[in-house]
Amino acid sequence: RHKLDSISDTVKNIDPEIRVELHAEHLDSRNILGILANYDLLLDGSDNFPTRYLANDAAAIAGKPLVWGAILRYHGQASVAWSGHGPTYRDLFPSPPAPGTVPSCADGGVLPSVCAVIGAIMCSETLKLITGIGDPLIGTVTTYDALTGRFRDISFGTAEGTVPISELIDYDAFCGAISDEAADA
């Protein structure tokens, strides 16, 4: 079963009045800006670096906030990137890790409760941005260590010499990943 159908059904079961818009295409440099144009913000809980950089760059170009979270094994992190209002994901991580240096969730595993914690933080950040309450995690990444049960906030700023993002690139090539098209060749 597709994740898209599963989450849509879950949301509709919670509140049948909610209108769910499904986008059943692979998100890439050709379509993300068109899709993002209809929304106020972007949430990214992707499990790969090409999509994380794509989401960051598209949100920066669109001038929209990006709420992102990442998890692996017993740890997670979450933040808000919003170009023009503070640093972005690229300020924290200017370049992706070398291919093969970070295990995938499939290989490394994830403690399910870490998903719940980071997901809850992402939901809170989204609600804060939508309603205008509180202080979003702009310029702060919150990390969670399930093995100790502790959180840690790490402040970061706009990297010196940062060039504004003005176009989308080939993110598979940028991250050293093999694209689906290259794998099929």
Protein backbone atom coordinates (compact mmCIF):
# COMPACT_ATOMS: atom_id res chain seq x y z
CA ARG A 1 0.00 0.00 0.00
CA HIS A 2 1.27 3.45 -0.86
CA LYS A 3 2.20 5.76 2.03
CA LEU A 4 0.19 8.49 0.35
CA ASP A 5 -3.04 6.47 0.50
CA SER A 6 -2.35 5.36 4.06
CA ILE A 7 -1.80 8.86 5.43
CA SER A 8 -4.77 10.22 3.47
CA ASP A 9 -7.08 7.59 4.95
CA THR A 10 -5.69 8.19 8.44
CA VAL A 11 -6.28 11.94 8.23
CA LYS A 12 -9.80 11.47 6.82
CA ASN A 13 -10.63 9.02 9.63
CA ILE A 14 -9.52 11.57 12.22
CA ASP A 15 -11.53 14.40 10.63
CA PRO A 16 -13.71 13.74 7.57
CA GLU A 17 -14.05 17.52 7.03
CA ILE A 18 -10.36 17.88 6.12
CA ARG A 19 -9.63 18.12 2.40
CA VAL A 20 -6.56 16.11 1.49
CA GLU A 21 -4.71 16.99 -1.73
CA LEU A 22 -2.66 14.06 -3.00
CA HIS A 23 0.38 14.53 -5.21
CA ALA A 24 1.25 11.06 -6.44
CA GLU A 25 4.33 12.02 -8.41
CA HIS A 26 8.00 11.79 -7.53
CA LEU A 27 9.11 15.16 -6.19
CA ASP A 28 11.97 16.61 -8.22
CA SER A 29 13.48 19.83 -9.56
CA ARG A 30 10.95 19.96 -12.39
CA ASN A 31 7.77 19.85 -10.31
CA ILE A 32 8.43 20.97 -6.73
CA LEU A 33 8.07 24.72 -7.28
CA GLY A 34 4.73 24.26 -9.03
CA ILE A 35 3.42 22.09 -6.21
CA LEU A 36 4.83 24.34 -3.48
CA ALA A 37 3.19 27.42 -5.04
CA ASN A 38 -0.17 26.29 -3.64
CA TYR A 39 1.01 25.95 -0.03
CA ASP A 40 2.17 28.20 2.80
CA LEU A 41 5.01 26.00 4.03
CA LEU A 42 6.82 22.75 3.39
CA LEU A 43 7.35 19.86 5.82
CA ASP A 44 10.23 17.51 5.06
CA GLY A 45 10.64 14.20 6.80
CA SER A 46 12.40 12.56 3.87
CA ASP A 47 14.89 9.76 4.30
CA ASN A 48 17.51 10.81 1.76
CA PHE A 49 19.86 13.72 1.23
CA PRO A 50 18.89 14.60 -2.37
CA THR A 51 15.29 15.23 -1.25
CA ARG A 52 16.39 17.21 1.82
CA TYR A 53 18.48 19.60 -0.28
CA LEU A 54 15.74 19.81 -2.92
CA ALA A 55 13.16 20.73 -0.26
CA ASN A 56 15.46 23.33 1.28
CA ASP A 57 16.33 24.97 -2.02
CA ALA A 58 12.73 25.00 -3.29
CA ALA A 59 11.48 26.54 -0.03
CA ALA A 60 14.24 29.17 -0.22
CA ILE A 61 13.36 30.08 -3.81
CA ALA A 62 9.64 30.21 -2.95
CA GLY A 63 10.32 32.26 0.20
CA LYS A 64 8.43 29.73 2.32
CA PRO A 65 9.38 28.14 5.62
CA LEU A 66 10.65 24.57 5.67
CA VAL A 67 10.01 22.46 8.75
CA TRP A 68 12.39 19.52 8.62
CA GLY A 69 13.17 16.49 10.70
CA ALA A 70 15.67 13.66 10.39
CA ILE A 71 16.03 10.42 12.31
CA LEU A 72 18.43 7.49 12.48
CA ARG A 73 18.71 4.71 15.00
CA TYR A 74 18.21 6.32 18.44
CA HIS A 75 18.61 9.96 17.47
CA GLY A 76 16.66 12.67 15.72
CA GLN A 77 16.82 16.34 14.91
CA ALA A 78 14.36 19.00 13.81
CA SER A 79 14.45 22.65 12.82
CA VAL A 80 12.86 25.36 10.69
CA ALA A 81 14.68 26.83 7.70
CA TRP A 82 13.34 30.06 6.26
CA SER A 83 15.44 32.03 3.83
CA GLY A 84 15.10 35.76 4.46
CA HIS A 85 14.09 35.12 8.08
CA GLY A 86 17.12 33.13 9.17
CA PRO A 87 19.48 30.35 8.17
CA THR A 88 18.54 27.41 5.99
CA TYR A 89 19.40 23.72 5.97
CA ARG A 90 22.38 24.52 3.72
CA ASP A 91 23.79 26.86 6.39
CA LEU A 92 23.81 23.96 8.84
CA PHE A 93 24.87 21.38 6.27
CA PRO A 94 26.55 23.20 3.33
CA SER A 95 27.33 19.96 1.56
CA PRO A 96 25.99 16.43 1.85
CA PRO A 97 27.95 13.63 3.46
CA ALA A 98 30.01 11.46 1.16
CA PRO A 99 28.01 8.57 -0.31
CA GLY A 100 28.05 5.52 1.92
CA THR A 101 29.12 7.36 5.10
CA VAL A 102 25.61 7.60 6.60
CA PRO A 103 23.55 4.41 6.73
CA SER A 104 20.01 4.51 5.40
CA CYS A 105 17.13 3.99 7.81
CA ALA A 106 16.64 0.58 6.20
CA ASP A 107 20.24 -0.38 7.01
CA GLY A 108 20.69 1.47 10.31
CA GLY A 109 17.20 1.09 11.70
CA VAL A 110 15.13 3.55 13.69
CA LEU A 111 13.63 3.25 17.16
CA PRO A 112 9.93 3.95 16.46
CA SER A 113 9.54 6.30 19.42
CA VAL A 114 12.17 8.60 17.86
CA CYS A 115 9.83 8.99 14.86
CA ALA A 116 7.04 10.04 17.22
CA VAL A 117 9.18 12.57 19.09
CA ILE A 118 10.62 14.23 15.99
CA GLY A 119 7.22 14.13 14.27
CA ALA A 120 5.64 15.86 17.28
CA ILE A 121 8.30 18.59 17.20
CA MET A 122 7.67 19.09 13.47
CA CYS A 123 3.91 19.34 14.10
CA SER A 124 4.46 21.91 16.85
CA GLU A 125 6.73 23.98 14.63
CA THR A 126 4.17 23.85 11.82
CA LEU A 127 1.36 24.99 14.11
CA LYS A 128 3.52 27.81 15.46
CA LEU A 129 4.22 29.03 11.93
CA ILE A 130 0.57 28.76 10.83
CA THR A 131 -0.84 30.50 13.91
CA GLY A 132 2.00 32.95 14.52
CA ILE A 133 2.48 31.91 18.13
CA GLY A 134 5.73 31.16 19.94
CA ASP A 135 9.25 31.20 18.58
CA PRO A 136 9.89 28.83 15.67
CA LEU A 137 13.16 26.88 15.64
CA ILE A 138 14.70 29.22 13.06
CA GLY A 139 18.46 29.14 13.62
CA THR A 140 18.16 26.33 16.15
CA VAL A 141 18.25 22.61 15.60
CA THR A 142 16.76 20.50 18.38
CA THR A 143 18.36 17.10 18.76
CA TYR A 144 16.91 14.14 20.64
CA ASP A 145 18.84 11.18 22.03
CA ALA A 146 16.48 8.34 22.94
CA LEU A 147 19.24 6.45 24.73
CA THR A 148 19.56 9.19 27.35
CA GLY A 149 16.10 10.73 26.97
CA ARG A 150 17.71 14.14 26.56
CA PHE A 151 17.22 17.02 24.18
CA ARG A 152 19.83 19.53 23.12
CA ASP A 153 19.41 22.78 21.21
CA ILE A 154 22.19 23.87 18.89
CA SER A 155 22.12 27.42 17.52
CA PHE A 156 23.46 28.14 14.06
CA GLY A 157 23.51 31.13 11.76
CA THR A 158 23.75 31.98 8.12
CA ALA A 159 27.06 30.67 6.81
CA GLU A 160 29.56 33.33 5.81
CA GLY A 161 29.70 33.90 2.06
CA THR A 162 26.41 32.13 1.45
CA VAL A 163 25.12 32.77 -2.05
CA PRO A 164 21.32 33.04 -2.27
CA ILE A 165 19.72 29.99 -3.83
CA SER A 166 18.32 31.01 -7.20
CA GLU A 167 17.86 27.75 -9.09
CA LEU A 168 17.29 24.06 -8.54
CA ILE A 169 20.01 21.60 -9.51
CA ASP A 170 20.46 17.86 -10.05
CA TYR A 171 20.31 16.77 -6.40
CA ASP A 172 21.23 13.15 -7.07
CA ALA A 173 24.47 14.35 -8.68
CA PHE A 174 25.05 16.92 -5.91
CA CYS A 175 24.71 14.24 -3.24
CA GLY A 176 26.60 11.60 -5.21
CA ALA A 177 23.54 9.40 -5.44
CA ILE A 178 22.70 7.24 -8.41
CA SER A 179 19.50 8.52 -9.98
CA ASP A 180 16.75 6.11 -11.04
CA GLU A 181 17.40 7.07 -14.65
CA ALA A 182 21.12 6.31 -14.38
CA ALA A 183 20.39 3.00 -12.67
CA ASP A 184 18.03 2.03 -15.49
CA ALA A 185 20.62 2.82 -18.21
